Every structure is written in C-alpha cells, then in structure tokens.
Amino acid sequence: MLYHRSPNSRRKKYMISYEEEIKRFKPSLDVDQIEDAIAKVDLTDMNDIMTSLIEEAIKHKKDESAK
C-alpha cells in the first residue's frame, strides 16, 4: 500500500495496479546493446577539438614570449 499526500488533503491510500505498470513497462537495454551504442559514438571529434585548443594555446604562449 502506498501513501500520497496532496497539498489540500490528508494522506490517501492507494493500491498499485500491476496490470497498468506492466503495460507501461519498457525494458532497459541489454549490456551488449549498450556496448554497441557506446562503440558507435565518435569520440575523435572531441579529441580533435582538445588537440586543436592545446596547440593554439601553445602557439599563443610562444608568440607572447617572443615579444
């Protein structure tokens, strides 16, 4: 039995409808499906961005120290 308290009333008891819960149930991905989804993500883009930012920062620092 679950309890629910609304702002304008006292606690109300209500029963869970297992049939409704089963209808709304959506299974989570299996581990294999999750691994496949993660493997398909292209992380090289983020790596390329970080490499570019680091190279620019090094170049900027060298330019400033040359002045």
N, C-alpha and C. Protein backbone atom coordinates (compact mmCIF):
# COMPACT_ATOMS: atom_id res chain seq x y z
N MET A 1 0.84 -1.17 0.00
CA MET A 1 0.00 0.00 0.00
C MET A 1 0.90 1.24 0.00
N LEU A 2 0.61 2.18 -0.83
CA LEU A 2 1.36 3.42 -0.92
C LEU A 2 0.51 4.57 -0.39
N TYR A 3 1.19 5.59 0.06
CA TYR A 3 0.50 6.77 0.57
C TYR A 3 0.85 7.96 -0.29
N HIS A 4 -0.11 8.82 -0.46
CA HIS A 4 0.10 10.04 -1.24
C HIS A 4 -0.53 11.20 -0.48
N ARG A 5 0.20 12.26 -0.34
CA ARG A 5 -0.34 13.43 0.35
C ARG A 5 -0.41 14.60 -0.64
N SER A 6 -1.59 15.07 -0.88
CA SER A 6 -1.75 16.24 -1.73
C SER A 6 -1.78 17.48 -0.84
N PRO A 7 -1.49 18.66 -1.38
CA PRO A 7 -1.41 19.88 -0.57
C PRO A 7 -2.68 20.21 0.20
N ASN A 8 -3.85 19.87 -0.35
CA ASN A 8 -5.12 20.26 0.26
C ASN A 8 -5.83 19.12 0.99
N SER A 9 -5.17 18.02 1.18
CA SER A 9 -5.86 16.90 1.82
C SER A 9 -4.91 16.12 2.71
N ARG A 10 -5.49 15.21 3.42
CA ARG A 10 -4.70 14.31 4.25
C ARG A 10 -4.13 13.20 3.38
N ARG A 11 -3.36 12.34 4.03
CA ARG A 11 -2.79 11.22 3.28
C ARG A 11 -3.88 10.32 2.72
N LYS A 12 -3.66 9.90 1.46
CA LYS A 12 -4.60 8.98 0.83
C LYS A 12 -3.89 7.67 0.55
N LYS A 13 -4.59 6.57 0.78
CA LYS A 13 -4.05 5.25 0.46
C LYS A 13 -4.48 4.89 -0.95
N TYR A 14 -3.58 4.28 -1.68
CA TYR A 14 -3.96 3.76 -2.98
C TYR A 14 -3.14 2.52 -3.29
N MET A 15 -3.70 1.66 -4.10
CA MET A 15 -3.06 0.41 -4.47
C MET A 15 -2.42 0.56 -5.84
N ILE A 16 -1.32 -0.13 -6.01
CA ILE A 16 -0.66 -0.15 -7.31
C ILE A 16 -1.42 -1.09 -8.23
N SER A 17 -1.67 -0.65 -9.44
CA SER A 17 -2.29 -1.50 -10.45
C SER A 17 -1.17 -2.17 -11.24
N TYR A 18 -0.93 -3.43 -10.94
CA TYR A 18 0.17 -4.13 -11.60
C TYR A 18 -0.06 -4.29 -13.09
N GLU A 19 -1.29 -4.43 -13.49
CA GLU A 19 -1.59 -4.54 -14.92
C GLU A 19 -1.18 -3.25 -15.64
N GLU A 20 -1.50 -2.11 -15.05
CA GLU A 20 -1.11 -0.82 -15.66
C GLU A 20 0.41 -0.66 -15.66
N GLU A 21 1.05 -1.08 -14.60
CA GLU A 21 2.52 -0.99 -14.53
C GLU A 21 3.16 -1.86 -15.61
N ILE A 22 2.63 -3.05 -15.82
CA ILE A 22 3.17 -3.95 -16.84
C ILE A 22 2.97 -3.35 -18.23
N LYS A 23 1.83 -2.72 -18.48
CA LYS A 23 1.58 -2.08 -19.78
C LYS A 23 2.58 -0.97 -20.05
N ARG A 24 2.96 -0.21 -19.01
CA ARG A 24 3.88 0.92 -19.18
C ARG A 24 5.34 0.51 -19.13
N PHE A 25 5.61 -0.75 -18.77
CA PHE A 25 6.99 -1.21 -18.61
C PHE A 25 7.74 -1.16 -19.92
N LYS A 26 8.94 -0.61 -19.87
CA LYS A 26 9.85 -0.59 -21.01
C LYS A 26 11.18 -1.15 -20.54
N PRO A 27 11.60 -2.29 -21.09
CA PRO A 27 12.84 -2.90 -20.61
C PRO A 27 14.05 -2.04 -20.96
N SER A 28 15.04 -2.09 -20.10
CA SER A 28 16.26 -1.34 -20.37
C SER A 28 17.09 -2.11 -21.39
N LEU A 29 18.08 -1.43 -21.95
CA LEU A 29 18.94 -2.07 -22.94
C LEU A 29 19.78 -3.15 -22.29
N ASP A 30 20.06 -4.20 -23.04
CA ASP A 30 20.98 -5.23 -22.57
C ASP A 30 22.39 -4.66 -22.62
N VAL A 31 23.29 -5.28 -21.90
CA VAL A 31 24.68 -4.82 -21.85
C VAL A 31 25.28 -4.79 -23.26
N ASP A 32 25.00 -5.82 -24.05
CA ASP A 32 25.54 -5.86 -25.42
C ASP A 32 25.03 -4.69 -26.26
N GLN A 33 23.75 -4.37 -26.10
CA GLN A 33 23.19 -3.24 -26.85
C GLN A 33 23.81 -1.93 -26.40
N ILE A 34 24.06 -1.80 -25.11
CA ILE A 34 24.69 -0.58 -24.60
C ILE A 34 26.11 -0.45 -25.12
N GLU A 35 26.85 -1.56 -25.12
CA GLU A 35 28.21 -1.54 -25.65
C GLU A 35 28.23 -1.12 -27.11
N ASP A 36 27.29 -1.66 -27.90
CA ASP A 36 27.21 -1.30 -29.31
C ASP A 36 26.90 0.18 -29.48
N ALA A 37 25.97 0.69 -28.68
CA ALA A 37 25.60 2.11 -28.77
C ALA A 37 26.78 2.99 -28.41
N ILE A 38 27.54 2.63 -27.39
CA ILE A 38 28.69 3.42 -26.98
C ILE A 38 29.79 3.35 -28.03
N ALA A 39 30.00 2.17 -28.59
CA ALA A 39 31.06 2.00 -29.60
C ALA A 39 30.77 2.80 -30.86
N LYS A 40 29.51 3.04 -31.16
CA LYS A 40 29.15 3.78 -32.36
C LYS A 40 29.36 5.28 -32.21
N VAL A 41 29.52 5.77 -30.99
CA VAL A 41 29.72 7.19 -30.76
C VAL A 41 31.13 7.57 -31.21
N ASP A 42 31.22 8.62 -31.97
CA ASP A 42 32.52 9.06 -32.49
C ASP A 42 33.15 10.04 -31.52
N LEU A 43 34.13 9.56 -30.75
CA LEU A 43 34.78 10.41 -29.76
C LEU A 43 36.00 11.14 -30.33
N THR A 44 36.36 10.84 -31.56
CA THR A 44 37.53 11.51 -32.13
C THR A 44 37.28 13.00 -32.33
N ASP A 45 36.03 13.39 -32.50
CA ASP A 45 35.73 14.81 -32.68
C ASP A 45 36.14 15.61 -31.45
N MET A 46 35.80 15.11 -30.27
CA MET A 46 36.17 15.79 -29.04
C MET A 46 37.68 15.79 -28.87
N ASN A 47 38.32 14.70 -29.21
CA ASN A 47 39.77 14.60 -29.14
C ASN A 47 40.42 15.61 -30.07
N ASP A 48 39.88 15.74 -31.28
CA ASP A 48 40.41 16.71 -32.25
C ASP A 48 40.26 18.14 -31.74
N ILE A 49 39.13 18.45 -31.12
CA ILE A 49 38.90 19.79 -30.58
C ILE A 49 39.89 20.10 -29.48
N MET A 50 40.08 19.15 -28.57
CA MET A 50 41.02 19.37 -27.46
C MET A 50 42.44 19.53 -27.98
N THR A 51 42.84 18.72 -28.94
CA THR A 51 44.18 18.83 -29.53
C THR A 51 44.37 20.19 -30.16
N SER A 52 43.37 20.65 -30.90
CA SER A 52 43.44 21.96 -31.54
C SER A 52 43.56 23.09 -30.51
N LEU A 53 42.77 23.02 -29.45
CA LEU A 53 42.84 24.05 -28.41
C LEU A 53 44.20 24.08 -27.73
N ILE A 54 44.76 22.92 -27.47
CA ILE A 54 46.08 22.85 -26.83
C ILE A 54 47.15 23.41 -27.77
N GLU A 55 47.07 23.05 -29.03
CA GLU A 55 48.05 23.57 -30.00
C GLU A 55 47.96 25.09 -30.11
N GLU A 56 46.73 25.62 -30.13
CA GLU A 56 46.56 27.07 -30.19
C GLU A 56 47.11 27.75 -28.94
N ALA A 57 46.88 27.15 -27.78
CA ALA A 57 47.38 27.74 -26.54
C ALA A 57 48.89 27.74 -26.52
N ILE A 58 49.52 26.67 -26.99
CA ILE A 58 50.99 26.60 -27.04
C ILE A 58 51.52 27.65 -28.01
N LYS A 59 50.91 27.77 -29.17
CA LYS A 59 51.33 28.75 -30.17
C LYS A 59 51.19 30.18 -29.62
N HIS A 60 50.04 30.44 -28.95
CA HIS A 60 49.79 31.77 -28.36
C HIS A 60 50.83 32.09 -27.29
N LYS A 61 51.18 31.11 -26.48
CA LYS A 61 52.18 31.31 -25.43
C LYS A 61 53.56 31.58 -26.04
N LYS A 62 53.91 30.88 -27.11
CA LYS A 62 55.20 31.11 -27.78
C LYS A 62 55.24 32.49 -28.40
N ASP A 63 54.12 32.92 -29.02
CA ASP A 63 54.06 34.25 -29.62
C ASP A 63 54.24 35.34 -28.57
N GLU A 64 53.62 35.18 -27.42
CA GLU A 64 53.74 36.17 -26.35
C GLU A 64 55.14 36.21 -25.77
N SER A 65 55.77 35.06 -25.65
CA SER A 65 57.12 35.04 -25.07
C SER A 65 58.15 35.56 -26.05
N ALA A 66 57.86 35.55 -27.35
CA ALA A 66 58.78 36.07 -28.36
C ALA A 66 58.77 37.60 -28.41
N LYS A 67 57.73 38.20 -27.89
CA LYS A 67 57.61 39.67 -27.94
C LYS A 67 58.51 40.32 -26.96
